[in-house]
Amino acid sequence: MMAGGLSDTKSATPEVQQLVNQVKPQFESRAGMNCDVFRATAYKTQVVAGTIYFIKVQVSDAEYVHLKVFQSLPYENLGPSLVSFQTGKTRDDPLTYF
């Protein structure tokens, strides 16, 4: 994969769910919503100085959000941060760069 390009869409892994769990409070506070469900279903990555994750997250029966999460390089010892997000998505909406 070329640096800077988006990976193919992959099914979410436990590691991706852990990232999502860590940024959930940032999302809820910025989106002004409380989510009983916050389940990662798919993701793409972009390698930069660290990794940007584009993650599709189910927040209710029919509603999804797309999160853009930055995970710095391991030696920097920083947790993931929520860069931006898109709400009002469906299960079928493709993950795209935003």
Foldseek 3Di string as FASTA:
>chain_A
DDAFDKDDKDFDDVVNQVLQVVAVVVCCVVVVHDAPFWAWGIWIWHDDQFIWIFTWTDRDPFWIKTWTKGDHDVVVVDHIYTPDMGTDDGPPDDGDDD
